[in-house]
Amino acid sequence: MADAKIKPLGDRVLLELKESTEEMRGGIYIPDSAKEKPQEYTVIALGTGKNDDNGNKIPFDVKVGDIVLTSRYGGTEVKVDGKEYKVVNQEDILAIVG
């Protein structure tokens, strides 16, 4: 796991872009500019949490180390020390992979 210098707040989750492998389809090289952006991320850190109407902490559905899929346009992308991260609200996480 990365030692990120970012600590998400509230019900936000810090995600790191999962490395993708180079793909060849039918022997044709697909340049980076033509590939769809991956939506698969590794959970790096969880926020401080959110409270329900009664003041009880709402537990996160994900944990550090989970591989997740996110909505394409949700969250905010940031770059720290050359690494790409995405900060999303927990509700922007669509699924846990695996």
PDB file of N, CA and C in Angstrom:
ATOM      1  N   MET A   1       0.831  -1.193   0.000  1.00  0.00           N
ATOM      2  CA  MET A   1       0.000   0.000   0.000  1.00  0.00           C
ATOM      3  C   MET A   1       0.871   1.249   0.000  1.00  0.00           C
ATOM      4  N   ALA A   2       0.378   2.230  -0.640  1.00  0.00           N
ATOM      5  CA  ALA A   2       1.101   3.502  -0.705  1.00  0.00           C
ATOM      6  C   ALA A   2       0.919   4.265   0.613  1.00  0.00           C
ATOM      7  N   ASP A   3       1.935   5.020   0.949  1.00  0.00           N
ATOM      8  CA  ASP A   3       1.841   5.879   2.125  1.00  0.00           C
ATOM      9  C   ASP A   3       1.443   7.257   1.618  1.00  0.00           C
ATOM     10  N   ALA A   4       0.159   7.423   1.346  1.00  0.00           N
ATOM     11  CA  ALA A   4      -0.344   8.655   0.743  1.00  0.00           C
ATOM     12  C   ALA A   4      -0.256   9.814   1.724  1.00  0.00           C
ATOM     13  N   LYS A   5       0.009  10.991   1.166  1.00  0.00           N
ATOM     14  CA  LYS A   5       0.081  12.208   1.973  1.00  0.00           C
ATOM     15  C   LYS A   5      -1.275  12.893   2.008  1.00  0.00           C
ATOM     16  N   ILE A   6      -2.306  12.168   1.645  1.00  0.00           N
ATOM     17  CA  ILE A   6      -3.661  12.715   1.602  1.00  0.00           C
ATOM     18  C   ILE A   6      -4.526  11.909   2.561  1.00  0.00           C
ATOM     19  N   LYS A   7      -5.271  12.596   3.414  1.00  0.00           N
ATOM     20  CA  LYS A   7      -6.206  11.925   4.330  1.00  0.00           C
ATOM     21  C   LYS A   7      -7.611  12.424   3.982  1.00  0.00           C
ATOM     22  N   PRO A   8      -8.447  11.538   3.425  1.00  0.00           N
ATOM     23  CA  PRO A   8      -9.803  11.965   3.085  1.00  0.00           C
ATOM     24  C   PRO A   8     -10.628  12.262   4.338  1.00  0.00           C
ATOM     25  N   LEU A   9     -11.613  13.121   4.192  1.00  0.00           N
ATOM     26  CA  LEU A   9     -12.498  13.491   5.295  1.00  0.00           C
ATOM     27  C   LEU A   9     -13.908  12.983   5.026  1.00  0.00           C
ATOM     28  N   GLY A  10     -14.707  12.890   6.086  1.00  0.00           N
ATOM     29  CA  GLY A  10     -16.099  12.463   5.945  1.00  0.00           C
ATOM     30  C   GLY A  10     -16.208  11.071   5.366  1.00  0.00           C
ATOM     31  N   ASP A  11     -17.185  10.887   4.451  1.00  0.00           N
ATOM     32  CA  ASP A  11     -17.400   9.558   3.871  1.00  0.00           C
ATOM     33  C   ASP A  11     -16.638   9.394   2.560  1.00  0.00           C
ATOM     34  N   ARG A  12     -15.531  10.136   2.418  1.00  0.00           N
ATOM     35  CA  ARG A  12     -14.722  10.037   1.206  1.00  0.00           C
ATOM     36  C   ARG A  12     -13.691   8.920   1.335  1.00  0.00           C
ATOM     37  N   VAL A  13     -13.278   8.418   0.170  1.00  0.00           N
ATOM     38  CA  VAL A  13     -12.334   7.316   0.094  1.00  0.00           C
ATOM     39  C   VAL A  13     -11.220   7.717  -0.871  1.00  0.00           C
ATOM     40  N   LEU A  14      -9.964   7.461  -0.496  1.00  0.00           N
ATOM     41  CA  LEU A  14      -8.823   7.732  -1.358  1.00  0.00           C
ATOM     42  C   LEU A  14      -8.498   6.469  -2.140  1.00  0.00           C
ATOM     43  N   LEU A  15      -8.459   6.604  -3.458  1.00  0.00           N
ATOM     44  CA  LEU A  15      -8.208   5.476  -4.344  1.00  0.00           C
ATOM     45  C   LEU A  15      -6.957   5.722  -5.162  1.00  0.00           C
ATOM     46  N   GLU A  16      -6.212   4.650  -5.433  1.00  0.00           N
ATOM     47  CA  GLU A  16      -5.052   4.740  -6.316  1.00  0.00           C
ATOM     48  C   GLU A  16      -5.372   3.984  -7.587  1.00  0.00           C
ATOM     49  N   LEU A  17      -5.051   4.591  -8.714  1.00  0.00           N
ATOM     50  CA  LEU A  17      -5.289   3.971 -10.008  1.00  0.00           C
ATOM     51  C   LEU A  17      -4.560   2.643 -10.072  1.00  0.00           C
ATOM     52  N   LYS A  18      -5.295   1.596 -10.430  1.00  0.00           N
ATOM     53  CA  LYS A  18      -4.695   0.265 -10.528  1.00  0.00           C
ATOM     54  C   LYS A  18      -3.953   0.180 -11.840  1.00  0.00           C
ATOM     55  N   GLU A  19      -2.752  -0.363 -11.803  1.00  0.00           N
ATOM     56  CA  GLU A  19      -1.940  -0.487 -13.014  1.00  0.00           C
ATOM     57  C   GLU A  19      -2.653  -1.377 -14.025  1.00  0.00           C
ATOM     58  N   SER A  20      -2.689  -0.926 -15.272  1.00  0.00           N
ATOM     59  CA  SER A  20      -3.293  -1.736 -16.324  1.00  0.00           C
ATOM     60  C   SER A  20      -2.194  -2.274 -17.220  1.00  0.00           C
ATOM     61  N   THR A  21      -2.457  -3.390 -17.847  1.00  0.00           N
ATOM     62  CA  THR A  21      -1.471  -3.998 -18.733  1.00  0.00           C
ATOM     63  C   THR A  21      -1.713  -3.533 -20.161  1.00  0.00           C
ATOM     64  N   GLU A  22      -0.665  -3.538 -20.953  1.00  0.00           N
ATOM     65  CA  GLU A  22      -0.738  -3.136 -22.357  1.00  0.00           C
ATOM     66  C   GLU A  22      -1.583  -4.158 -23.120  1.00  0.00           C
ATOM     67  N   GLU A  23      -2.489  -3.702 -23.942  1.00  0.00           N
ATOM     68  CA  GLU A  23      -3.360  -4.604 -24.688  1.00  0.00           C
ATOM     69  C   GLU A  23      -3.083  -4.517 -26.168  1.00  0.00           C
ATOM     70  N   MET A  24      -3.130  -5.649 -26.821  1.00  0.00           N
ATOM     71  CA  MET A  24      -3.042  -5.713 -28.271  1.00  0.00           C
ATOM     72  C   MET A  24      -4.301  -6.434 -28.737  1.00  0.00           C
ATOM     73  N   ARG A  25      -4.992  -5.856 -29.693  1.00  0.00           N
ATOM     74  CA  ARG A  25      -6.202  -6.480 -30.223  1.00  0.00           C
ATOM     75  C   ARG A  25      -6.009  -6.703 -31.706  1.00  0.00           C
ATOM     76  N   GLY A  26      -6.032  -7.963 -32.117  1.00  0.00           N
ATOM     77  CA  GLY A  26      -5.870  -8.281 -33.530  1.00  0.00           C
ATOM     78  C   GLY A  26      -4.540  -7.803 -34.077  1.00  0.00           C
ATOM     79  N   GLY A  27      -3.511  -7.740 -33.236  1.00  0.00           N
ATOM     80  CA  GLY A  27      -2.193  -7.328 -33.668  1.00  0.00           C
ATOM     81  C   GLY A  27      -2.036  -5.830 -33.861  1.00  0.00           C
ATOM     82  N   ILE A  28      -3.032  -5.050 -33.484  1.00  0.00           N
ATOM     83  CA  ILE A  28      -2.971  -3.602 -33.647  1.00  0.00           C
ATOM     84  C   ILE A  28      -2.655  -2.959 -32.310  1.00  0.00           C
ATOM     85  N   TYR A  29      -1.656  -2.107 -32.298  1.00  0.00           N
ATOM     86  CA  TYR A  29      -1.283  -1.388 -31.084  1.00  0.00           C
ATOM     87  C   TYR A  29      -2.325  -0.308 -30.815  1.00  0.00           C
ATOM     88  N   ILE A  30      -2.801  -0.254 -29.569  1.00  0.00           N
ATOM     89  CA  ILE A  30      -3.780   0.751 -29.176  1.00  0.00           C
ATOM     90  C   ILE A  30      -3.052   1.811 -28.359  1.00  0.00           C
ATOM     91  N   PRO A  31      -2.892   3.026 -28.900  1.00  0.00           N
ATOM     92  CA  PRO A  31      -2.181   4.065 -28.143  1.00  0.00           C
ATOM     93  C   PRO A  31      -2.953   4.481 -26.904  1.00  0.00           C
ATOM     94  N   ASP A  32      -2.230   5.013 -25.910  1.00  0.00           N
ATOM     95  CA  ASP A  32      -2.845   5.433 -24.659  1.00  0.00           C
ATOM     96  C   ASP A  32      -3.988   6.416 -24.886  1.00  0.00           C
ATOM     97  N   SER A  33      -3.835   7.297 -25.860  1.00  0.00           N
ATOM     98  CA  SER A  33      -4.865   8.314 -26.097  1.00  0.00           C
ATOM     99  C   SER A  33      -6.173   7.721 -26.602  1.00  0.00           C
ATOM    100  N   ALA A  34      -6.141   6.510 -27.147  1.00  0.00           N
ATOM    101  CA  ALA A  34      -7.353   5.899 -27.687  1.00  0.00           C
ATOM    102  C   ALA A  34      -8.003   4.924 -26.716  1.00  0.00           C
ATOM    103  N   LYS A  35      -7.300   4.596 -25.625  1.00  0.00           N
ATOM    104  CA  LYS A  35      -7.846   3.637 -24.665  1.00  0.00           C
ATOM    105  C   LYS A  35      -8.849   4.312 -23.754  1.00  0.00           C
ATOM    106  N   GLU A  36      -9.833   3.534 -23.310  1.00  0.00           N
ATOM    107  CA  GLU A  36     -10.742   4.059 -22.295  1.00  0.00           C
ATOM    108  C   GLU A  36      -9.997   4.098 -20.973  1.00  0.00           C
ATOM    109  N   LYS A  37     -10.259   5.106 -20.208  1.00  0.00           N
ATOM    110  CA  LYS A  37      -9.597   5.255 -18.925  1.00  0.00           C
ATOM    111  C   LYS A  37     -10.078   4.163 -17.972  1.00  0.00           C
ATOM    112  N   PRO A  38      -9.169   3.472 -17.305  1.00  0.00           N
ATOM    113  CA  PRO A  38      -9.580   2.419 -16.367  1.00  0.00           C
ATOM    114  C   PRO A  38     -10.405   2.984 -15.224  1.00  0.00           C
ATOM    115  N   GLN A  39     -11.309   2.184 -14.739  1.00  0.00           N
ATOM    116  CA  GLN A  39     -12.140   2.588 -13.608  1.00  0.00           C
ATOM    117  C   GLN A  39     -11.850   1.710 -12.407  1.00  0.00           C
ATOM    118  N   GLU A  40     -10.776   0.955 -12.464  1.00  0.00           N
ATOM    119  CA  GLU A  40     -10.433   0.031 -11.389  1.00  0.00           C
ATOM    120  C   GLU A  40      -9.363   0.684 -10.505  1.00  0.00           C
ATOM    121  N   TYR A  41      -9.655   0.734  -9.220  1.00  0.00           N
ATOM    122  CA  TYR A  41      -8.784   1.418  -8.268  1.00  0.00           C
ATOM    123  C   TYR A  41      -8.572   0.548  -7.034  1.00  0.00           C
ATOM    124  N   THR A  42      -7.480   0.830  -6.314  1.00  0.00           N
ATOM    125  CA  THR A  42      -7.195   0.199  -5.032  1.00  0.00           C
ATOM    126  C   THR A  42      -7.512   1.214  -3.938  1.00  0.00           C
ATOM    127  N   VAL A  43      -8.231   0.770  -2.894  1.00  0.00           N
ATOM    128  CA  VAL A  43      -8.547   1.649  -1.771  1.00  0.00           C
ATOM    129  C   VAL A  43      -7.279   1.847  -0.947  1.00  0.00           C
ATOM    130  N   ILE A  44      -6.882   3.118  -0.784  1.00  0.00           N
ATOM    131  CA  ILE A  44      -5.659   3.464  -0.054  1.00  0.00           C
ATOM    132  C   ILE A  44      -5.970   3.945   1.355  1.00  0.00           C
ATOM    133  N   ALA A  45      -7.032   4.741   1.501  1.00  0.00           N
ATOM    134  CA  ALA A  45      -7.371   5.292   2.823  1.00  0.00           C
ATOM    135  C   ALA A  45      -8.860   5.597   2.884  1.00  0.00           C
ATOM    136  N   LEU A  46      -9.406   5.512   4.090  1.00  0.00           N
ATOM    137  CA  LEU A  46     -10.812   5.839   4.337  1.00  0.00           C
ATOM    138  C   LEU A  46     -10.888   7.157   5.093  1.00  0.00           C
ATOM    139  N   GLY A  47     -11.963   7.873   4.870  1.00  0.00           N
ATOM    140  CA  GLY A  47     -12.171   9.142   5.554  1.00  0.00           C
ATOM    141  C   GLY A  47     -12.492   8.953   7.021  1.00  0.00           C
ATOM    142  N   THR A  48     -12.871  10.036   7.645  1.00  0.00           N
ATOM    143  CA  THR A  48     -13.172  10.035   9.077  1.00  0.00           C
ATOM    144  C   THR A  48     -14.547   9.460   9.381  1.00  0.00           C
ATOM    145  N   GLY A  49     -15.365   9.273   8.345  1.00  0.00           N
ATOM    146  CA  GLY A  49     -16.691   8.682   8.523  1.00  0.00           C
ATOM    147  C   GLY A  49     -17.787   9.725   8.556  1.00  0.00           C
ATOM    148  N   LYS A  50     -18.990   9.242   8.418  1.00  0.00           N
ATOM    149  CA  LYS A  50     -20.165  10.104   8.399  1.00  0.00           C
ATOM    150  C   LYS A  50     -21.122   9.606   9.481  1.00  0.00           C
ATOM    151  N   ASN A  51     -21.875  10.509  10.076  1.00  0.00           N
ATOM    152  CA  ASN A  51     -22.839  10.134  11.117  1.00  0.00           C
ATOM    153  C   ASN A  51     -24.249  10.124  10.547  1.00  0.00           C
ATOM    154  N   ASP A  52     -25.074   9.211  11.057  1.00  0.00           N
ATOM    155  CA  ASP A  52     -26.486   9.209  10.667  1.00  0.00           C
ATOM    156  C   ASP A  52     -27.229  10.266  11.490  1.00  0.00           C
ATOM    157  N   ASP A  53     -28.534  10.341  11.341  1.00  0.00           N
ATOM    158  CA  ASP A  53     -29.335  11.361  12.034  1.00  0.00           C
ATOM    159  C   ASP A  53     -29.295  11.232  13.556  1.00  0.00           C
ATOM    160  N   ASN A  54     -28.958  10.029  14.051  1.00  0.00           N
ATOM    161  CA  ASN A  54     -28.893   9.797  15.497  1.00  0.00           C
ATOM    162  C   ASN A  54     -27.485   9.974  16.057  1.00  0.00           C
ATOM    163  N   GLY A  55     -26.546  10.374  15.202  1.00  0.00           N
ATOM    164  CA  GLY A  55     -25.177  10.583  15.661  1.00  0.00           C
ATOM    165  C   GLY A  55     -24.309   9.343  15.636  1.00  0.00           C
ATOM    166  N   ASN A  56     -24.823   8.227  15.124  1.00  0.00           N
ATOM    167  CA  ASN A  56     -24.046   6.993  15.048  1.00  0.00           C
ATOM    168  C   ASN A  56     -23.202   6.991  13.774  1.00  0.00           C
ATOM    169  N   LYS A  57     -21.955   6.499  13.891  1.00  0.00           N
ATOM    170  CA  LYS A  57     -21.083   6.401  12.728  1.00  0.00           C
ATOM    171  C   LYS A  57     -21.649   5.390  11.732  1.00  0.00           C
ATOM    172  N   ILE A  58     -21.659   5.757  10.468  1.00  0.00           N
ATOM    173  CA  ILE A  58     -22.074   4.850   9.401  1.00  0.00           C
ATOM    174  C   ILE A  58     -20.811   4.114   8.935  1.00  0.00           C
ATOM    175  N   PRO A  59     -20.802   2.783   9.016  1.00  0.00           N
ATOM    176  CA  PRO A  59     -19.589   2.046   8.632  1.00  0.00           C
ATOM    177  C   PRO A  59     -19.353   2.103   7.116  1.00  0.00           C
ATOM    178  N   PHE A  60     -18.080   2.047   6.736  1.00  0.00           N
ATOM    179  CA  PHE A  60     -17.719   1.991   5.323  1.00  0.00           C
ATOM    180  C   PHE A  60     -18.006   0.596   4.786  1.00  0.00           C
ATOM    181  N   ASP A  61     -18.382   0.522   3.504  1.00  0.00           N
ATOM    182  CA  ASP A  61     -18.620  -0.764   2.848  1.00  0.00           C
ATOM    183  C   ASP A  61     -17.337  -1.345   2.269  1.00  0.00           C
ATOM    184  N   VAL A  62     -16.275  -0.530   2.202  1.00  0.00           N
ATOM    185  CA  VAL A  62     -14.997  -0.976   1.665  1.00  0.00           C
ATOM    186  C   VAL A  62     -13.938  -0.864   2.753  1.00  0.00           C
ATOM    187  N   LYS A  63     -12.800  -1.512   2.509  1.00  0.00           N
ATOM    188  CA  LYS A  63     -11.678  -1.424   3.448  1.00  0.00           C
ATOM    189  C   LYS A  63     -10.401  -1.175   2.653  1.00  0.00           C
ATOM    190  N   VAL A  64      -9.361  -0.723   3.310  1.00  0.00           N
ATOM    191  CA  VAL A  64      -8.082  -0.483   2.667  1.00  0.00           C
ATOM    192  C   VAL A  64      -7.602  -1.776   2.017  1.00  0.00           C
ATOM    193  N   GLY A  65      -7.167  -1.676   0.766  1.00  0.00           N
ATOM    194  CA  GLY A  65      -6.684  -2.842   0.024  1.00  0.00           C
ATOM    195  C   GLY A  65      -7.694  -3.412  -0.951  1.00  0.00           C
ATOM    196  N   ASP A  66      -8.981  -3.073  -0.794  1.00  0.00           N
ATOM    197  CA  ASP A  66     -10.005  -3.553  -1.726  1.00  0.00           C
ATOM    198  C   ASP A  66      -9.758  -2.986  -3.124  1.00  0.00           C
ATOM    199  N   ILE A  67     -10.073  -3.773  -4.139  1.00  0.00           N
ATOM    200  CA  ILE A  67     -10.074  -3.313  -5.528  1.00  0.00           C
ATOM    201  C   ILE A  67     -11.522  -2.974  -5.851  1.00  0.00           C
ATOM    202  N   VAL A  68     -11.747  -1.743  -6.330  1.00  0.00           N
ATOM    203  CA  VAL A  68     -13.117  -1.279  -6.552  1.00  0.00           C
ATOM    204  C   VAL A  68     -13.288  -0.686  -7.945  1.00  0.00           C
ATOM    205  N   LEU A  69     -14.529  -0.622  -8.385  1.00  0.00           N
ATOM    206  CA  LEU A  69     -14.907   0.069  -9.613  1.00  0.00           C
ATOM    207  C   LEU A  69     -15.636   1.334  -9.218  1.00  0.00           C
ATOM    208  N   THR A  70     -15.358   2.428  -9.910  1.00  0.00           N
ATOM    209  CA  THR A  70     -16.010   3.692  -9.595  1.00  0.00           C
ATOM    210  C   THR A  70     -16.789   4.190 -10.797  1.00  0.00           C
ATOM    211  N   SER A  71     -17.690   5.120 -10.531  1.00  0.00           N
ATOM    212  CA  SER A  71     -18.386   5.762 -11.631  1.00  0.00           C
ATOM    213  C   SER A  71     -17.355   6.565 -12.417  1.00  0.00           C
ATOM    214  N   ARG A  72     -17.544   6.642 -13.712  1.00  0.00           N
ATOM    215  CA  ARG A  72     -16.555   7.253 -14.603  1.00  0.00           C
ATOM    216  C   ARG A  72     -16.231   8.704 -14.236  1.00  0.00           C
ATOM    217  N   TYR A  73     -17.248   9.485 -13.924  1.00  0.00           N
ATOM    218  CA  TYR A  73     -17.021  10.911 -13.725  1.00  0.00           C
ATOM    219  C   TYR A  73     -17.104  11.349 -12.264  1.00  0.00           C
ATOM    220  N   GLY A  74     -17.277  10.413 -11.347  1.00  0.00           N
ATOM    221  CA  GLY A  74     -17.368  10.769  -9.940  1.00  0.00           C
ATOM    222  C   GLY A  74     -15.999  11.051  -9.345  1.00  0.00           C
ATOM    223  N   GLY A  75     -15.977  11.827  -8.302  1.00  0.00           N
ATOM    224  CA  GLY A  75     -14.749  12.068  -7.567  1.00  0.00           C
ATOM    225  C   GLY A  75     -13.863  13.135  -8.171  1.00  0.00           C
ATOM    226  N   THR A  76     -12.722  13.317  -7.532  1.00  0.00           N
ATOM    227  CA  THR A  76     -11.746  14.313  -7.947  1.00  0.00           C
ATOM    228  C   THR A  76     -10.400  13.632  -8.112  1.00  0.00           C
ATOM    229  N   GLU A  77      -9.789  13.798  -9.276  1.00  0.00           N
ATOM    230  CA  GLU A  77      -8.483  13.200  -9.519  1.00  0.00           C
ATOM    231  C   GLU A  77      -7.396  14.159  -9.062  1.00  0.00           C
ATOM    232  N   VAL A  78      -6.396  13.607  -8.370  1.00  0.00           N
ATOM    233  CA  VAL A  78      -5.265  14.397  -7.900  1.00  0.00           C
ATOM    234  C   VAL A  78      -3.976  13.628  -8.187  1.00  0.00           C
ATOM    235  N   LYS A  79      -2.876  14.356  -8.298  1.00  0.00           N
ATOM    236  CA  LYS A  79      -1.573  13.729  -8.518  1.00  0.00           C
ATOM    237  C   LYS A  79      -0.648  14.201  -7.408  1.00  0.00           C
ATOM    238  N   VAL A  80      -0.060  13.255  -6.672  1.00  0.00           N
ATOM    239  CA  VAL A  80       0.852  13.572  -5.576  1.00  0.00           C
ATOM    240  C   VAL A  80       2.105  12.726  -5.755  1.00  0.00           C
ATOM    241  N   ASP A  81       3.256  13.359  -5.778  1.00  0.00           N
ATOM    242  CA  ASP A  81       4.544  12.672  -5.942  1.00  0.00           C
ATOM    243  C   ASP A  81       4.537  11.736  -7.154  1.00  0.00           C
ATOM    244  N   GLY A  82       3.927  12.177  -8.250  1.00  0.00           N
ATOM    245  CA  GLY A  82       3.915  11.398  -9.487  1.00  0.00           C
ATOM    246  C   GLY A  82       2.907  10.275  -9.537  1.00  0.00           C
ATOM    247  N   LYS A  83       2.142  10.070  -8.478  1.00  0.00           N
ATOM    248  CA  LYS A  83       1.124   9.008  -8.463  1.00  0.00           C
ATOM    249  C   LYS A  83      -0.252   9.621  -8.632  1.00  0.00           C
ATOM    250  N   GLU A  84      -1.112   8.905  -9.365  1.00  0.00           N
ATOM    251  CA  GLU A  84      -2.470   9.381  -9.581  1.00  0.00           C
ATOM    252  C   GLU A  84      -3.410   8.782  -8.543  1.00  0.00           C
ATOM    253  N   TYR A  85      -4.200   9.651  -7.935  1.00  0.00           N
ATOM    254  CA  TYR A  85      -5.188   9.238  -6.953  1.00  0.00           C
ATOM    255  C   TYR A  85      -6.544   9.803  -7.352  1.00  0.00           C
ATOM    256  N   LYS A  86      -7.570   9.248  -6.762  1.00  0.00           N
ATOM    257  CA  LYS A  86      -8.926   9.757  -6.955  1.00  0.00           C
ATOM    258  C   LYS A  86      -9.591   9.778  -5.585  1.00  0.00           C
ATOM    259  N   VAL A  87     -10.199  10.901  -5.236  1.00  0.00           N
ATOM    260  CA  VAL A  87     -10.938  11.019  -3.982  1.00  0.00           C
ATOM    261  C   VAL A  87     -12.414  10.997  -4.344  1.00  0.00           C
ATOM    262  N   VAL A  88     -13.137  10.002  -3.811  1.00  0.00           N
ATOM    263  CA  VAL A  88     -14.557   9.840  -4.143  1.00  0.00           C
ATOM    264  C   VAL A  88     -15.389   9.745  -2.874  1.00  0.00           C
ATOM    265  N   ASN A  89     -16.647  10.103  -2.983  1.00  0.00           N
ATOM    266  CA  ASN A  89     -17.592   9.790  -1.920  1.00  0.00           C
ATOM    267  C   ASN A  89     -17.844   8.290  -1.972  1.00  0.00           C
ATOM    268  N   GLN A  90     -18.109   7.687  -0.847  1.00  0.00           N
ATOM    269  CA  GLN A  90     -18.348   6.247  -0.828  1.00  0.00           C
ATOM    270  C   GLN A  90     -19.441   5.849  -1.816  1.00  0.00           C
ATOM    271  N   GLU A  91     -20.446   6.714  -2.006  1.00  0.00           N
ATOM    272  CA  GLU A  91     -21.555   6.385  -2.917  1.00  0.00           C
ATOM    273  C   GLU A  91     -21.135   6.325  -4.379  1.00  0.00           C
ATOM    274  N   ASP A  92     -19.942   6.862  -4.719  1.00  0.00           N
ATOM    275  CA  ASP A  92     -19.423   6.788  -6.086  1.00  0.00           C
ATOM    276  C   ASP A  92     -18.756   5.458  -6.381  1.00  0.00           C
ATOM    277  N   ILE A  93     -18.556   4.614  -5.372  1.00  0.00           N
ATOM    278  CA  ILE A  93     -17.988   3.297  -5.569  1.00  0.00           C
ATOM    279  C   ILE A  93     -19.110   2.350  -5.961  1.00  0.00           C
ATOM    280  N   LEU A  94     -18.949   1.740  -7.144  1.00  0.00           N
ATOM    281  CA  LEU A  94     -20.013   0.904  -7.696  1.00  0.00           C
ATOM    282  C   LEU A  94     -19.933  -0.549  -7.222  1.00  0.00           C
ATOM    283  N   ALA A  95     -18.715  -1.070  -7.069  1.00  0.00           N
ATOM    284  CA  ALA A  95     -18.566  -2.486  -6.737  1.00  0.00           C
ATOM    285  C   ALA A  95     -17.170  -2.772  -6.210  1.00  0.00           C
ATOM    286  N   ILE A  96     -17.058  -3.868  -5.468  1.00  0.00           N
ATOM    287  CA  ILE A  96     -15.772  -4.400  -5.036  1.00  0.00           C
ATOM    288  C   ILE A  96     -15.453  -5.552  -5.982  1.00  0.00           C
ATOM    289  N   VAL A  97     -14.254  -5.555  -6.553  1.00  0.00           N
ATOM    290  CA  VAL A  97     -13.846  -6.595  -7.503  1.00  0.00           C
ATOM    291  C   VAL A  97     -13.238  -7.759  -6.735  1.00  0.00           C
ATOM    292  N   GLY A  98     -13.690  -8.962  -7.068  1.00  0.00           N
ATOM    293  CA  GLY A  98     -13.104 -10.165  -6.476  1.00  0.00           C
ATOM    294  C   GLY A  98     -13.693 -10.602  -5.256  1.00  0.00           C
TER     295      GLY A  98
END
